[in-house]
Protein backbone atom coordinates (compact mmCIF):
# COMPACT_ATOMS: atom_id res chain seq x y z
CA UNK A 1 -35.79 43.55 19.44
CA UNK A 2 -32.92 43.79 15.91
CA UNK A 3 -32.47 47.27 17.14
CA UNK A 4 -31.74 46.94 20.80
CA UNK A 5 -28.76 43.91 19.57
CA UNK A 6 -27.66 46.91 16.65
CA UNK A 7 -27.63 49.01 19.47
CA UNK A 8 -26.03 46.98 22.38
CA UNK A 9 -23.60 46.16 19.31
CA UNK A 10 -22.50 49.00 18.18
CA UNK A 11 -22.28 50.46 22.00
CA UNK A 12 -19.28 48.07 22.40
CA UNK A 13 -17.68 48.79 19.18
CA UNK A 14 -17.62 52.00 20.70
CA UNK A 15 -16.83 51.65 24.23
CA UNK A 16 -13.77 49.35 22.31
CA UNK A 17 -13.74 46.93 25.66
CA UNK A 18 -10.19 45.89 25.61
CA UNK A 19 -8.28 48.73 24.16
CA UNK A 20 -7.32 48.28 21.37
CA UNK A 21 -7.57 51.15 18.98
CA UNK A 22 -5.43 52.59 22.32
CA UNK A 23 -2.05 51.45 20.04
CA UNK A 24 -3.07 51.37 17.09
CA UNK A 25 -1.43 54.28 15.79
CA UNK A 26 1.47 54.04 17.11
CA UNK A 27 1.72 50.51 16.54
CA UNK A 28 1.65 50.47 12.34
CA UNK A 29 4.26 54.15 12.29
CA UNK A 30 6.33 51.49 14.65
CA UNK A 31 9.66 50.76 12.39
CA UNK A 32 11.17 47.97 12.72
CA UNK A 33 12.99 46.24 15.66
CA UNK A 34 16.67 47.59 14.88
CA UNK A 35 19.67 45.00 13.95
CA UNK A 36 20.93 43.67 17.52
CA UNK A 37 18.80 45.34 19.39
CA UNK A 38 16.47 43.15 20.87
CA UNK A 39 12.33 44.97 21.42
CA UNK A 40 11.38 44.26 24.36
CA UNK A 41 7.39 45.08 25.18
CA UNK A 42 6.17 45.97 28.36
CA UNK A 43 2.75 45.09 28.62
CA UNK A 44 0.26 45.37 31.78
CA UNK A 45 -2.13 48.34 33.10
CA UNK A 46 -1.83 52.32 34.44
CA UNK A 47 2.27 51.14 36.02
CA UNK A 48 3.20 50.47 32.87
CA UNK A 49 2.09 52.77 31.57
CA UNK A 50 3.14 55.67 32.92
CA UNK A 51 6.25 54.66 33.67
CA UNK A 52 8.05 56.38 30.50
CA UNK A 53 6.57 59.78 31.44
CA UNK A 54 9.00 58.99 35.00
CA UNK A 55 11.54 56.87 33.64
CA UNK A 56 11.88 58.01 29.46
CA UNK A 57 15.24 57.07 29.62
CA UNK A 58 14.08 53.92 29.95
CA UNK A 59 12.49 53.29 26.25
CA UNK A 60 14.69 55.65 24.29
CA UNK A 61 16.23 54.17 21.80
CA UNK A 62 16.59 51.11 24.50
CA UNK A 63 14.49 48.53 22.98
CA UNK A 64 12.07 48.97 25.39
CA UNK A 65 7.93 49.14 24.28
CA UNK A 66 5.18 50.32 26.70
CA UNK A 67 2.21 48.55 26.60
CA UNK A 68 -0.13 49.75 29.60
CA UNK A 69 -3.56 50.73 29.40
CA UNK A 70 -5.05 52.53 32.97
CA UNK A 71 -7.01 50.85 34.53
CA UNK A 72 -6.36 47.66 32.79
CA UNK A 73 -7.53 44.15 34.40
CA UNK A 74 -5.98 40.76 32.68
CA UNK A 75 -8.93 39.66 30.98
CA UNK A 76 -9.07 42.80 29.24
CA UNK A 77 -4.57 42.74 28.60
CA UNK A 78 -5.66 39.39 27.32
CA UNK A 79 -8.05 40.55 24.15
CA UNK A 80 -5.19 42.93 23.81
CA UNK A 81 -2.22 40.81 23.14
CA UNK A 82 -1.45 39.85 19.66
CA UNK A 83 -1.47 44.09 18.72
CA UNK A 84 -0.04 45.10 20.95
CA UNK A 85 2.39 42.81 21.85
CA UNK A 86 2.62 39.17 18.97
CA UNK A 87 2.19 41.95 16.04
CA UNK A 88 5.00 44.31 17.12
CA UNK A 89 7.84 40.91 16.76
CA UNK A 90 8.98 41.23 20.47
CA UNK A 91 11.94 39.37 21.07
CA UNK A 92 10.94 39.47 24.36
CA UNK A 93 7.83 40.76 26.35
CA UNK A 94 6.96 41.28 30.32
CA UNK A 95 4.20 40.63 31.67
CA UNK A 96 2.18 42.93 34.75
CA UNK A 97 -1.36 41.72 35.70
CA UNK A 98 -3.15 41.08 38.47
CA UNK A 99 -3.29 44.44 40.41
CA UNK A 100 -6.98 45.85 39.02
CA UNK A 101 -8.03 42.34 39.09
CA UNK A 102 -7.88 42.02 42.50
CA UNK A 103 -9.13 45.99 42.26
CA UNK A 104 -11.95 44.53 41.07
CA UNK A 105 -12.33 47.12 38.35
CA UNK A 106 -14.20 44.52 35.64
CA UNK A 107 -16.21 42.53 38.60
CA UNK A 108 -15.48 40.26 41.15
CA UNK A 109 -12.22 38.60 40.95
CA UNK A 110 -11.06 35.48 40.53
CA UNK A 111 -7.93 34.47 41.75
CA UNK A 112 -8.49 31.65 39.19
CA UNK A 113 -9.48 33.28 36.15
CA UNK A 114 -6.56 36.52 36.68
CA UNK A 115 -4.25 32.66 37.03
CA UNK A 116 -5.32 32.03 33.62
CA UNK A 117 -4.86 34.64 32.00
CA UNK A 118 -1.31 35.80 32.14
CA UNK A 119 -1.09 31.52 31.64
CA UNK A 120 -3.31 32.96 28.25
CA UNK A 121 -0.50 35.30 27.10
CA UNK A 122 2.10 33.65 28.20
CA UNK A 123 0.96 30.53 25.88
CA UNK A 124 0.58 32.33 23.58
CA UNK A 125 3.83 34.09 23.46
CA UNK A 126 5.96 31.27 23.51
CA UNK A 127 3.80 29.91 20.54
CA UNK A 128 4.82 33.15 18.11
CA UNK A 129 8.73 32.83 18.84
CA UNK A 130 8.25 35.54 21.82
CA UNK A 131 10.42 34.79 24.90
CA UNK A 132 8.48 35.48 28.22
CA UNK A 133 9.25 37.43 31.39
CA UNK A 134 6.47 36.69 34.20
CA UNK A 135 6.46 39.61 36.88
CA UNK A 136 5.08 39.65 40.31
CA UNK A 137 1.83 42.33 41.15
CA UNK A 138 2.97 44.73 43.30
CA UNK A 139 1.75 45.25 46.83
CA UNK A 140 -0.83 48.07 48.16
CA UNK A 141 -2.64 47.50 50.84
CA UNK A 142 -5.39 49.39 49.30
CA UNK A 143 -6.82 51.29 46.75
CA UNK A 144 -8.26 54.51 46.71
CA UNK A 145 -10.39 54.30 45.10
CA UNK A 146 -12.83 51.17 46.17
CA UNK A 147 -12.21 51.62 50.23
CA UNK A 148 -14.54 48.21 50.80
CA UNK A 149 -11.65 46.35 50.16
CA UNK A 150 -9.74 45.44 53.10
CA UNK A 151 -7.69 41.76 51.74
CA UNK A 152 -6.03 43.20 49.11
CA UNK A 153 -2.95 42.98 50.56
CA UNK A 154 -3.76 38.88 50.75
CA UNK A 155 -5.52 38.50 47.53
CA UNK A 156 -2.18 39.87 45.99
CA UNK A 157 0.55 37.76 48.17
CA UNK A 158 -2.22 34.77 46.86
CA UNK A 159 -1.35 35.13 43.51
CA UNK A 160 2.35 36.37 43.93
CA UNK A 161 2.60 33.14 44.15
CA UNK A 162 0.75 31.02 42.18
CA UNK A 163 2.57 32.91 39.61
CA UNK A 164 6.04 32.64 40.98
CA UNK A 165 5.30 29.14 40.66
CA UNK A 166 4.25 29.37 37.79
CA UNK A 167 7.01 30.67 36.50
CA UNK A 168 9.20 28.92 38.56
CA UNK A 169 7.37 25.39 36.70
CA UNK A 170 8.57 26.56 32.95
CA UNK A 171 10.96 27.83 33.67
CA UNK A 172 10.47 31.40 32.90
CA UNK A 173 12.27 34.07 34.61
CA UNK A 174 10.25 35.45 37.32
CA UNK A 175 10.71 39.09 38.52
CA UNK A 176 9.85 40.17 42.34
CA UNK A 177 9.01 42.90 42.12
CA UNK A 178 6.66 42.82 45.59
CA UNK A 179 9.88 41.66 47.52
CA UNK A 180 11.83 44.70 46.92
CA UNK A 181 8.84 47.37 47.73
CA UNK A 182 7.14 46.43 49.76
CA UNK A 183 7.12 48.32 53.73
CA UNK A 184 8.01 45.81 56.91
CA UNK A 185 5.27 45.92 58.99
CA UNK A 186 1.75 43.48 59.17
CA UNK A 187 -0.25 46.38 55.95
CA UNK A 188 2.24 45.15 53.67
CA UNK A 189 2.16 48.20 51.76
CA UNK A 190 3.69 49.36 48.69
CA UNK A 191 7.12 51.08 50.47
CA UNK A 192 5.78 55.69 50.04
CA UNK A 193 9.95 56.42 49.17
CA UNK A 194 8.28 54.58 45.57
CA UNK A 195 4.86 55.96 46.15
CA UNK A 196 2.88 58.89 46.51
CA UNK A 197 -0.71 56.91 46.37
CA UNK A 198 -0.06 53.22 47.28
CA UNK A 199 -0.36 52.30 44.06
CA UNK A 200 1.65 53.49 41.39
CA UNK A 201 4.81 53.56 41.60
CA UNK A 202 6.99 56.94 41.35
CA UNK A 203 10.75 57.48 40.13
CA UNK A 204 11.92 55.83 42.70
CA UNK A 205 10.14 53.36 42.37
CA UNK A 206 10.79 52.93 38.72
CA UNK A 207 14.21 53.25 39.43
CA UNK A 208 13.95 49.61 41.90
CA UNK A 209 12.21 47.95 39.25
CA UNK A 210 14.40 48.70 35.96
CA UNK A 211 17.37 46.54 36.85
CA UNK A 212 15.44 43.73 37.80
CA UNK A 213 13.48 43.55 34.80
CA UNK A 214 17.16 44.05 32.44
CA UNK A 215 18.65 41.23 34.65
CA UNK A 216 15.47 39.50 34.19
CA UNK A 217 15.36 39.69 30.57
CA UNK A 218 18.88 39.39 29.77
CA UNK A 219 18.23 36.17 30.96
CA UNK A 220 15.19 35.03 28.73
CA UNK A 221 17.37 36.39 25.93
CA UNK A 222 20.22 33.92 27.43
CA UNK A 223 17.96 31.05 27.68
CA UNK A 224 16.32 32.14 24.46
CA UNK A 225 20.32 31.06 21.92
CA UNK A 226 20.68 27.85 24.96
CA UNK A 227 17.13 26.96 24.50
CA UNK A 228 18.63 22.80 25.78
CA UNK A 229 19.88 24.62 28.80
CA UNK A 230 18.50 25.03 33.05
CA UNK A 231 17.08 28.18 33.45
CA UNK A 232 17.18 27.70 37.11
CA UNK A 233 19.37 30.47 37.57
CA UNK A 234 17.32 32.69 35.59
CA UNK A 235 13.99 32.09 37.49
CA UNK A 236 14.17 34.31 39.36
CA UNK A 237 14.90 38.19 40.42
CA UNK A 238 14.30 40.49 42.97
CA UNK A 239 15.08 39.13 46.03
């Protein structure tokens, strides 16, 4: 029995379920934030991971750092949040989570659990003096790797409604990628002008996303320097 337990533990370590080792070397090699240039970490899944490849200039010398891991659900992001966000000492973290939760990459989808993970990441950031920007899940009519799922659009819309409501209740800037990228028809798919597979943006998609993120990050930075002022004007972006 002991041998079985040890084998299971060794297997779990080898698998690194949370992805703690994915950016370990990059994090260790990361220099301190440049003076006068706030560090911004983008936390997410493959949509965040492939962003630098699609538009490297957005990250080159700008203070923006991508920490996305393909396929991850929000629970996995929460597991690595300390290593990949808090320990990097950013001024702002932009959290984009939920696509792979809806796609059931790690088991049945539970909206409450996903929202709870996003809230937990938010609270961890705030407890460590990091301003937060929350984003919508990008639109998707379905997932090629989960063809049996037929209600993805409904679940994404419902989750986005709750993320937005939470952001507004806490005065957190909210980036509405969804409204800027969804097709205007019953499918509620990601606009094909912005994606080849209906889930992941191409450069044209990131060109839509980037100014929305920058504007919200600036709002978060301004709010952090003026904490006593009402931030109602910084809550909604991309509408």
